[in-house]
Amino acid sequence: MHLKTCVMPDAVTPLAHRQCPLCGQPNHCTPANTGSFAGACWCKTQLFPPELLAQLAPDQRNNSCICQACVNHFHTQQSHSL
């Protein structure tokens, strides 16, 4: 399984999408809230499995951040299915 970390390029401005594309709740994305990738964010050290990212509609990929609750829920579901 290939895991992806959150990549935050320096040359672009983050999109102001503040809701999780999976659950619709606030995603607590620091770059989306501040308009800068310079700040600390929980997702910078988070692993996003391709199976989780595949749950997003194509137009939502690389467009808004999945919230930590959805990431944690995915990992919990995966550990119970083993």
PDB file of N, CA and C in Angstrom:
ATOM      1  N   MET A   1       0.844  -1.165   0.000  1.00  0.00           N
ATOM      2  CA  MET A   1       0.000   0.000   0.000  1.00  0.00           C
ATOM      3  C   MET A   1       0.895   1.235   0.000  1.00  0.00           C
ATOM      4  N   HIS A   2       0.614   2.145  -0.907  1.00  0.00           N
ATOM      5  CA  HIS A   2       1.351   3.397  -0.965  1.00  0.00           C
ATOM      6  C   HIS A   2       0.594   4.441  -0.156  1.00  0.00           C
ATOM      7  N   LEU A   3       1.324   5.159   0.677  1.00  0.00           N
ATOM      8  CA  LEU A   3       0.701   6.200   1.493  1.00  0.00           C
ATOM      9  C   LEU A   3       1.180   7.550   1.018  1.00  0.00           C
ATOM     10  N   LYS A   4       0.298   8.511   1.047  1.00  0.00           N
ATOM     11  CA  LYS A   4       0.655   9.867   0.638  1.00  0.00           C
ATOM     12  C   LYS A   4       0.557  10.791   1.834  1.00  0.00           C
ATOM     13  N   THR A   5       1.514  11.689   1.940  1.00  0.00           N
ATOM     14  CA  THR A   5       1.431  12.720   2.961  1.00  0.00           C
ATOM     15  C   THR A   5       0.887  13.982   2.305  1.00  0.00           C
ATOM     16  N   CYS A   6       0.438  14.863   3.130  1.00  0.00           N
ATOM     17  CA  CYS A   6      -0.090  16.127   2.641  1.00  0.00           C
ATOM     18  C   CYS A   6       1.072  16.948   2.087  1.00  0.00           C
ATOM     19  N   VAL A   7       0.997  17.341   0.827  1.00  0.00           N
ATOM     20  CA  VAL A   7       2.051  18.123   0.194  1.00  0.00           C
ATOM     21  C   VAL A   7       1.573  19.554   0.096  1.00  0.00           C
ATOM     22  N   MET A   8       2.395  20.463   0.608  1.00  0.00           N
ATOM     23  CA  MET A   8       2.010  21.864   0.605  1.00  0.00           C
ATOM     24  C   MET A   8       3.062  22.687  -0.138  1.00  0.00           C
ATOM     25  N   PRO A   9       2.843  22.943  -1.419  1.00  0.00           N
ATOM     26  CA  PRO A   9       3.815  23.697  -2.206  1.00  0.00           C
ATOM     27  C   PRO A   9       3.919  25.136  -1.739  1.00  0.00           C
ATOM     28  N   ASP A  10       5.114  25.690  -1.875  1.00  0.00           N
ATOM     29  CA  ASP A  10       5.362  27.060  -1.412  1.00  0.00           C
ATOM     30  C   ASP A  10       4.941  28.119  -2.429  1.00  0.00           C
ATOM     31  N   ALA A  11       4.858  27.763  -3.697  1.00  0.00           N
ATOM     32  CA  ALA A  11       4.643  28.758  -4.737  1.00  0.00           C
ATOM     33  C   ALA A  11       3.166  29.044  -5.028  1.00  0.00           C
ATOM     34  N   VAL A  12       2.251  28.401  -4.338  1.00  0.00           N
ATOM     35  CA  VAL A  12       0.832  28.618  -4.601  1.00  0.00           C
ATOM     36  C   VAL A  12       0.110  29.036  -3.326  1.00  0.00           C
ATOM     37  N   THR A  13      -1.046  29.606  -3.499  1.00  0.00           N
ATOM     38  CA  THR A  13      -1.882  29.994  -2.370  1.00  0.00           C
ATOM     39  C   THR A  13      -2.905  28.892  -2.131  1.00  0.00           C
ATOM     40  N   PRO A  14      -3.089  28.480  -0.881  1.00  0.00           N
ATOM     41  CA  PRO A  14      -4.077  27.424  -0.610  1.00  0.00           C
ATOM     42  C   PRO A  14      -5.499  27.890  -0.916  1.00  0.00           C
ATOM     43  N   LEU A  15      -6.312  26.939  -1.330  1.00  0.00           N
ATOM     44  CA  LEU A  15      -7.716  27.220  -1.562  1.00  0.00           C
ATOM     45  C   LEU A  15      -8.434  27.343  -0.223  1.00  0.00           C
ATOM     46  N   ALA A  16      -9.419  28.180  -0.156  1.00  0.00           N
ATOM     47  CA  ALA A  16     -10.130  28.436   1.101  1.00  0.00           C
ATOM     48  C   ALA A  16     -11.301  27.472   1.285  1.00  0.00           C
ATOM     49  N   HIS A  17     -11.069  26.202   1.076  1.00  0.00           N
ATOM     50  CA  HIS A  17     -12.099  25.189   1.278  1.00  0.00           C
ATOM     51  C   HIS A  17     -11.969  24.656   2.696  1.00  0.00           C
ATOM     52  N   ARG A  18     -12.883  25.030   3.538  1.00  0.00           N
ATOM     53  CA  ARG A  18     -12.767  24.756   4.971  1.00  0.00           C
ATOM     54  C   ARG A  18     -13.603  23.573   5.445  1.00  0.00           C
ATOM     55  N   GLN A  19     -14.311  22.909   4.517  1.00  0.00           N
ATOM     56  CA  GLN A  19     -15.124  21.752   4.893  1.00  0.00           C
ATOM     57  C   GLN A  19     -14.518  20.480   4.319  1.00  0.00           C
ATOM     58  N   CYS A  20     -14.635  19.420   5.093  1.00  0.00           N
ATOM     59  CA  CYS A  20     -14.181  18.104   4.655  1.00  0.00           C
ATOM     60  C   CYS A  20     -15.067  17.643   3.493  1.00  0.00           C
ATOM     61  N   PRO A  21     -14.472  17.187   2.397  1.00  0.00           N
ATOM     62  CA  PRO A  21     -15.282  16.740   1.267  1.00  0.00           C
ATOM     63  C   PRO A  21     -16.003  15.412   1.526  1.00  0.00           C
ATOM     64  N   LEU A  22     -15.646  14.708   2.597  1.00  0.00           N
ATOM     65  CA  LEU A  22     -16.308  13.446   2.911  1.00  0.00           C
ATOM     66  C   LEU A  22     -17.493  13.622   3.852  1.00  0.00           C
ATOM     67  N   CYS A  23     -17.327  14.413   4.911  1.00  0.00           N
ATOM     68  CA  CYS A  23     -18.399  14.532   5.912  1.00  0.00           C
ATOM     69  C   CYS A  23     -19.050  15.906   5.956  1.00  0.00           C
ATOM     70  N   GLY A  24     -18.422  16.903   5.329  1.00  0.00           N
ATOM     71  CA  GLY A  24     -18.987  18.248   5.308  1.00  0.00           C
ATOM     72  C   GLY A  24     -18.709  19.070   6.554  1.00  0.00           C
ATOM     73  N   GLN A  25     -18.020  18.493   7.522  1.00  0.00           N
ATOM     74  CA  GLN A  25     -17.685  19.213   8.751  1.00  0.00           C
ATOM     75  C   GLN A  25     -16.419  20.054   8.531  1.00  0.00           C
ATOM     76  N   PRO A  26     -16.127  21.006   9.422  1.00  0.00           N
ATOM     77  CA  PRO A  26     -14.894  21.779   9.285  1.00  0.00           C
ATOM     78  C   PRO A  26     -13.679  20.845   9.256  1.00  0.00           C
ATOM     79  N   ASN A  27     -12.743  21.134   8.343  1.00  0.00           N
ATOM     80  CA  ASN A  27     -11.567  20.270   8.224  1.00  0.00           C
ATOM     81  C   ASN A  27     -10.378  20.768   9.053  1.00  0.00           C
ATOM     82  N   HIS A  28     -10.513  21.927   9.663  1.00  0.00           N
ATOM     83  CA  HIS A  28      -9.458  22.499  10.514  1.00  0.00           C
ATOM     84  C   HIS A  28      -8.128  22.574   9.779  1.00  0.00           C
ATOM     85  N   CYS A  29      -8.197  22.932   8.514  1.00  0.00           N
ATOM     86  CA  CYS A  29      -7.010  23.057   7.676  1.00  0.00           C
ATOM     87  C   CYS A  29      -6.406  24.443   7.882  1.00  0.00           C
ATOM     88  N   THR A  30      -5.242  24.484   8.479  1.00  0.00           N
ATOM     89  CA  THR A  30      -4.586  25.768   8.744  1.00  0.00           C
ATOM     90  C   THR A  30      -4.327  26.542   7.463  1.00  0.00           C
ATOM     91  N   PRO A  31      -3.780  25.926   6.401  1.00  0.00           N
ATOM     92  CA  PRO A  31      -3.570  26.698   5.170  1.00  0.00           C
ATOM     93  C   PRO A  31      -4.864  27.277   4.588  1.00  0.00           C
ATOM     94  N   ALA A  32      -5.958  26.509   4.608  1.00  0.00           N
ATOM     95  CA  ALA A  32      -7.229  27.031   4.095  1.00  0.00           C
ATOM     96  C   ALA A  32      -7.726  28.190   4.941  1.00  0.00           C
ATOM     97  N   ASN A  33      -7.511  28.108   6.238  1.00  0.00           N
ATOM     98  CA  ASN A  33      -7.987  29.166   7.138  1.00  0.00           C
ATOM     99  C   ASN A  33      -7.115  30.406   7.116  1.00  0.00           C
ATOM    100  N   THR A  34      -5.817  30.241   6.877  1.00  0.00           N
ATOM    101  CA  THR A  34      -4.902  31.385   6.936  1.00  0.00           C
ATOM    102  C   THR A  34      -4.494  31.910   5.570  1.00  0.00           C
ATOM    103  N   GLY A  35      -4.682  31.103   4.520  1.00  0.00           N
ATOM    104  CA  GLY A  35      -4.255  31.524   3.193  1.00  0.00           C
ATOM    105  C   GLY A  35      -2.774  31.340   2.950  1.00  0.00           C
ATOM    106  N   SER A  36      -2.111  30.539   3.808  1.00  0.00           N
ATOM    107  CA  SER A  36      -0.670  30.327   3.678  1.00  0.00           C
ATOM    108  C   SER A  36      -0.306  28.893   4.053  1.00  0.00           C
ATOM    109  N   PHE A  37       0.635  28.313   3.323  1.00  0.00           N
ATOM    110  CA  PHE A  37       1.130  26.981   3.654  1.00  0.00           C
ATOM    111  C   PHE A  37       2.219  27.030   4.724  1.00  0.00           C
ATOM    112  N   ALA A  38       2.593  28.219   5.181  1.00  0.00           N
ATOM    113  CA  ALA A  38       3.713  28.370   6.113  1.00  0.00           C
ATOM    114  C   ALA A  38       3.413  27.860   7.526  1.00  0.00           C
ATOM    115  N   GLY A  39       2.175  27.889   7.947  1.00  0.00           N
ATOM    116  CA  GLY A  39       1.846  27.507   9.315  1.00  0.00           C
ATOM    117  C   GLY A  39       1.818  26.012   9.543  1.00  0.00           C
ATOM    118  N   ALA A  40       1.829  25.640  10.805  1.00  0.00           N
ATOM    119  CA  ALA A  40       1.729  24.225  11.181  1.00  0.00           C
ATOM    120  C   ALA A  40       0.314  23.733  10.920  1.00  0.00           C
ATOM    121  N   CYS A  41       0.191  22.492  10.507  1.00  0.00           N
ATOM    122  CA  CYS A  41      -1.117  21.888  10.300  1.00  0.00           C
ATOM    123  C   CYS A  41      -1.018  20.405  10.638  1.00  0.00           C
ATOM    124  N   TRP A  42      -2.084  19.856  11.215  1.00  0.00           N
ATOM    125  CA  TRP A  42      -2.089  18.460  11.609  1.00  0.00           C
ATOM    126  C   TRP A  42      -1.800  17.540  10.429  1.00  0.00           C
ATOM    127  N   CYS A  43      -2.187  17.941   9.234  1.00  0.00           N
ATOM    128  CA  CYS A  43      -2.071  17.046   8.079  1.00  0.00           C
ATOM    129  C   CYS A  43      -0.652  16.917   7.542  1.00  0.00           C
ATOM    130  N   LYS A  44       0.248  17.791   7.960  1.00  0.00           N
ATOM    131  CA  LYS A  44       1.618  17.731   7.443  1.00  0.00           C
ATOM    132  C   LYS A  44       2.330  16.441   7.841  1.00  0.00           C
ATOM    133  N   THR A  45       1.884  15.815   8.905  1.00  0.00           N
ATOM    134  CA  THR A  45       2.500  14.560   9.336  1.00  0.00           C
ATOM    135  C   THR A  45       1.555  13.377   9.185  1.00  0.00           C
ATOM    136  N   GLN A  46       0.410  13.612   8.595  1.00  0.00           N
ATOM    137  CA  GLN A  46      -0.613  12.574   8.443  1.00  0.00           C
ATOM    138  C   GLN A  46      -0.404  11.794   7.154  1.00  0.00           C
ATOM    139  N   LEU A  47      -0.691  10.510   7.195  1.00  0.00           N
ATOM    140  CA  LEU A  47      -0.645   9.680   6.002  1.00  0.00           C
ATOM    141  C   LEU A  47      -2.056   9.513   5.455  1.00  0.00           C
ATOM    142  N   PHE A  48      -2.198   9.705   4.165  1.00  0.00           N
ATOM    143  CA  PHE A  48      -3.484   9.593   3.486  1.00  0.00           C
ATOM    144  C   PHE A  48      -3.411   8.419   2.511  1.00  0.00           C
ATOM    145  N   PRO A  49      -3.931   7.252   2.903  1.00  0.00           N
ATOM    146  CA  PRO A  49      -3.870   6.089   2.023  1.00  0.00           C
ATOM    147  C   PRO A  49      -4.651   6.334   0.720  1.00  0.00           C
ATOM    148  N   PRO A  50      -4.177   5.750  -0.376  1.00  0.00           N
ATOM    149  CA  PRO A  50      -4.889   5.913  -1.651  1.00  0.00           C
ATOM    150  C   PRO A  50      -6.347   5.452  -1.580  1.00  0.00           C
ATOM    151  N   GLU A  51      -6.634   4.451  -0.763  1.00  0.00           N
ATOM    152  CA  GLU A  51      -8.007   3.961  -0.625  1.00  0.00           C
ATOM    153  C   GLU A  51      -8.922   5.027  -0.026  1.00  0.00           C
ATOM    154  N   LEU A  52      -8.385   5.845   0.856  1.00  0.00           N
ATOM    155  CA  LEU A  52      -9.162   6.949   1.429  1.00  0.00           C
ATOM    156  C   LEU A  52      -9.358   8.036   0.380  1.00  0.00           C
ATOM    157  N   LEU A  53      -8.295   8.403  -0.306  1.00  0.00           N
ATOM    158  CA  LEU A  53      -8.387   9.446  -1.327  1.00  0.00           C
ATOM    159  C   LEU A  53      -9.309   9.032  -2.465  1.00  0.00           C
ATOM    160  N   ALA A  54      -9.396   7.733  -2.736  1.00  0.00           N
ATOM    161  CA  ALA A  54     -10.268   7.231  -3.804  1.00  0.00           C
ATOM    162  C   ALA A  54     -11.745   7.448  -3.493  1.00  0.00           C
ATOM    163  N   GLN A  55     -12.078   7.714  -2.232  1.00  0.00           N
ATOM    164  CA  GLN A  55     -13.471   7.967  -1.847  1.00  0.00           C
ATOM    165  C   GLN A  55     -13.944   9.351  -2.301  1.00  0.00           C
ATOM    166  N   LEU A  56     -13.007  10.196  -2.690  1.00  0.00           N
ATOM    167  CA  LEU A  56     -13.352  11.548  -3.134  1.00  0.00           C
ATOM    168  C   LEU A  56     -13.774  11.538  -4.599  1.00  0.00           C
ATOM    169  N   ALA A  57     -14.726  12.384  -4.927  1.00  0.00           N
ATOM    170  CA  ALA A  57     -15.078  12.581  -6.331  1.00  0.00           C
ATOM    171  C   ALA A  57     -13.864  13.208  -7.029  1.00  0.00           C
ATOM    172  N   PRO A  58     -13.657  12.911  -8.311  1.00  0.00           N
ATOM    173  CA  PRO A  58     -12.487  13.448  -9.013  1.00  0.00           C
ATOM    174  C   PRO A  58     -12.332  14.965  -8.896  1.00  0.00           C
ATOM    175  N   ASP A  59     -13.428  15.709  -8.912  1.00  0.00           N
ATOM    176  CA  ASP A  59     -13.327  17.172  -8.826  1.00  0.00           C
ATOM    177  C   ASP A  59     -12.973  17.661  -7.423  1.00  0.00           C
ATOM    178  N   GLN A  60     -13.024  16.769  -6.422  1.00  0.00           N
ATOM    179  CA  GLN A  60     -12.676  17.160  -5.053  1.00  0.00           C
ATOM    180  C   GLN A  60     -11.225  16.840  -4.716  1.00  0.00           C
ATOM    181  N   ARG A  61     -10.582  16.004  -5.506  1.00  0.00           N
ATOM    182  CA  ARG A  61      -9.197  15.625  -5.234  1.00  0.00           C
ATOM    183  C   ARG A  61      -8.282  16.818  -5.430  1.00  0.00           C
ATOM    184  N   ASN A  62      -7.353  16.992  -4.499  1.00  0.00           N
ATOM    185  CA  ASN A  62      -6.413  18.117  -4.513  1.00  0.00           C
ATOM    186  C   ASN A  62      -7.129  19.458  -4.492  1.00  0.00           C
ATOM    187  N   ASN A  63      -8.328  19.475  -3.916  1.00  0.00           N
ATOM    188  CA  ASN A  63      -9.128  20.684  -3.899  1.00  0.00           C
ATOM    189  C   ASN A  63      -9.500  21.124  -2.492  1.00  0.00           C
ATOM    190  N   SER A  64      -9.660  20.166  -1.574  1.00  0.00           N
ATOM    191  CA  SER A  64      -9.939  20.486  -0.179  1.00  0.00           C
ATOM    192  C   SER A  64      -9.462  19.332   0.695  1.00  0.00           C
ATOM    193  N   CYS A  65      -9.210  19.637   1.951  1.00  0.00           N
ATOM    194  CA  CYS A  65      -8.615  18.657   2.869  1.00  0.00           C
ATOM    195  C   CYS A  65      -9.670  17.788   3.556  1.00  0.00           C
ATOM    196  N   ILE A  66      -9.347  16.513   3.652  1.00  0.00           N
ATOM    197  CA  ILE A  66     -10.151  15.591   4.445  1.00  0.00           C
ATOM    198  C   ILE A  66      -9.880  15.905   5.909  1.00  0.00           C
ATOM    199  N   CYS A  67     -10.908  15.900   6.744  1.00  0.00           N
ATOM    200  CA  CYS A  67     -10.718  16.229   8.164  1.00  0.00           C
ATOM    201  C   CYS A  67     -10.047  15.076   8.912  1.00  0.00           C
ATOM    202  N   GLN A  68      -9.485  15.401  10.052  1.00  0.00           N
ATOM    203  CA  GLN A  68      -8.785  14.417  10.864  1.00  0.00           C
ATOM    204  C   GLN A  68      -9.728  13.318  11.355  1.00  0.00           C
ATOM    205  N   ALA A  69     -10.973  13.671  11.645  1.00  0.00           N
ATOM    206  CA  ALA A  69     -11.939  12.670  12.101  1.00  0.00           C
ATOM    207  C   ALA A  69     -12.182  11.620  11.021  1.00  0.00           C
ATOM    208  N   CYS A  70     -12.301  12.036   9.759  1.00  0.00           N
ATOM    209  CA  CYS A  70     -12.505  11.075   8.674  1.00  0.00           C
ATOM    210  C   CYS A  70     -11.263  10.219   8.445  1.00  0.00           C
ATOM    211  N   VAL A  71     -10.093  10.817   8.562  1.00  0.00           N
ATOM    212  CA  VAL A  71      -8.850  10.042   8.430  1.00  0.00           C
ATOM    213  C   VAL A  71      -8.773   9.011   9.547  1.00  0.00           C
ATOM    214  N   ASN A  72      -9.045   9.435  10.769  1.00  0.00           N
ATOM    215  CA  ASN A  72      -9.003   8.508  11.910  1.00  0.00           C
ATOM    216  C   ASN A  72     -10.048   7.406  11.758  1.00  0.00           C
ATOM    217  N   HIS A  73     -11.248   7.762  11.307  1.00  0.00           N
ATOM    218  CA  HIS A  73     -12.312   6.774  11.105  1.00  0.00           C
ATOM    219  C   HIS A  73     -11.875   5.741  10.059  1.00  0.00           C
ATOM    220  N   PHE A  74     -11.268   6.194   8.981  1.00  0.00           N
ATOM    221  CA  PHE A  74     -10.789   5.283   7.949  1.00  0.00           C
ATOM    222  C   PHE A  74      -9.772   4.298   8.525  1.00  0.00           C
ATOM    223  N   HIS A  75      -8.797   4.817   9.290  1.00  0.00           N
ATOM    224  CA  HIS A  75      -7.769   3.939   9.867  1.00  0.00           C
ATOM    225  C   HIS A  75      -8.383   2.955  10.862  1.00  0.00           C
ATOM    226  N   THR A  76      -9.372   3.382  11.639  1.00  0.00           N
ATOM    227  CA  THR A  76     -10.057   2.491  12.580  1.00  0.00           C
ATOM    228  C   THR A  76     -10.783   1.389  11.832  1.00  0.00           C
ATOM    229  N   GLN A  77     -11.502   1.759  10.769  1.00  0.00           N
ATOM    230  CA  GLN A  77     -12.222   0.776   9.955  1.00  0.00           C
ATOM    231  C   GLN A  77     -11.253  -0.234   9.341  1.00  0.00           C
ATOM    232  N   GLN A  78     -10.102   0.247   8.878  1.00  0.00           N
ATOM    233  CA  GLN A  78      -9.105  -0.631   8.277  1.00  0.00           C
ATOM    234  C   GLN A  78      -8.537  -1.607   9.296  1.00  0.00           C
ATOM    235  N   SER A  79      -8.287  -1.128  10.511  1.00  0.00           N
ATOM    236  CA  SER A  79      -7.712  -2.007  11.540  1.00  0.00           C
ATOM    237  C   SER A  79      -8.710  -3.060  11.990  1.00  0.00           C
ATOM    238  N   HIS A  80     -10.012  -2.757  11.942  1.00  0.00           N
ATOM    239  CA  HIS A  80     -11.035  -3.738  12.325  1.00  0.00           C
ATOM    240  C   HIS A  80     -11.273  -4.776  11.230  1.00  0.00           C
ATOM    241  N   SER A  81     -10.908  -4.442  10.002  1.00  0.00           N
ATOM    242  CA  SER A  81     -11.136  -5.384   8.908  1.00  0.00           C
ATOM    243  C   SER A  81      -9.982  -6.366   8.732  1.00  0.00           C
ATOM    244  N   LEU A  82      -8.927  -6.188   9.503  1.00  0.00           N
ATOM    245  CA  LEU A  82      -7.773  -7.102   9.393  1.00  0.00           C
ATOM    246  C   LEU A  82      -8.005  -8.388  10.117  1.00  0.00           C
TER     247      LEU A  82
END
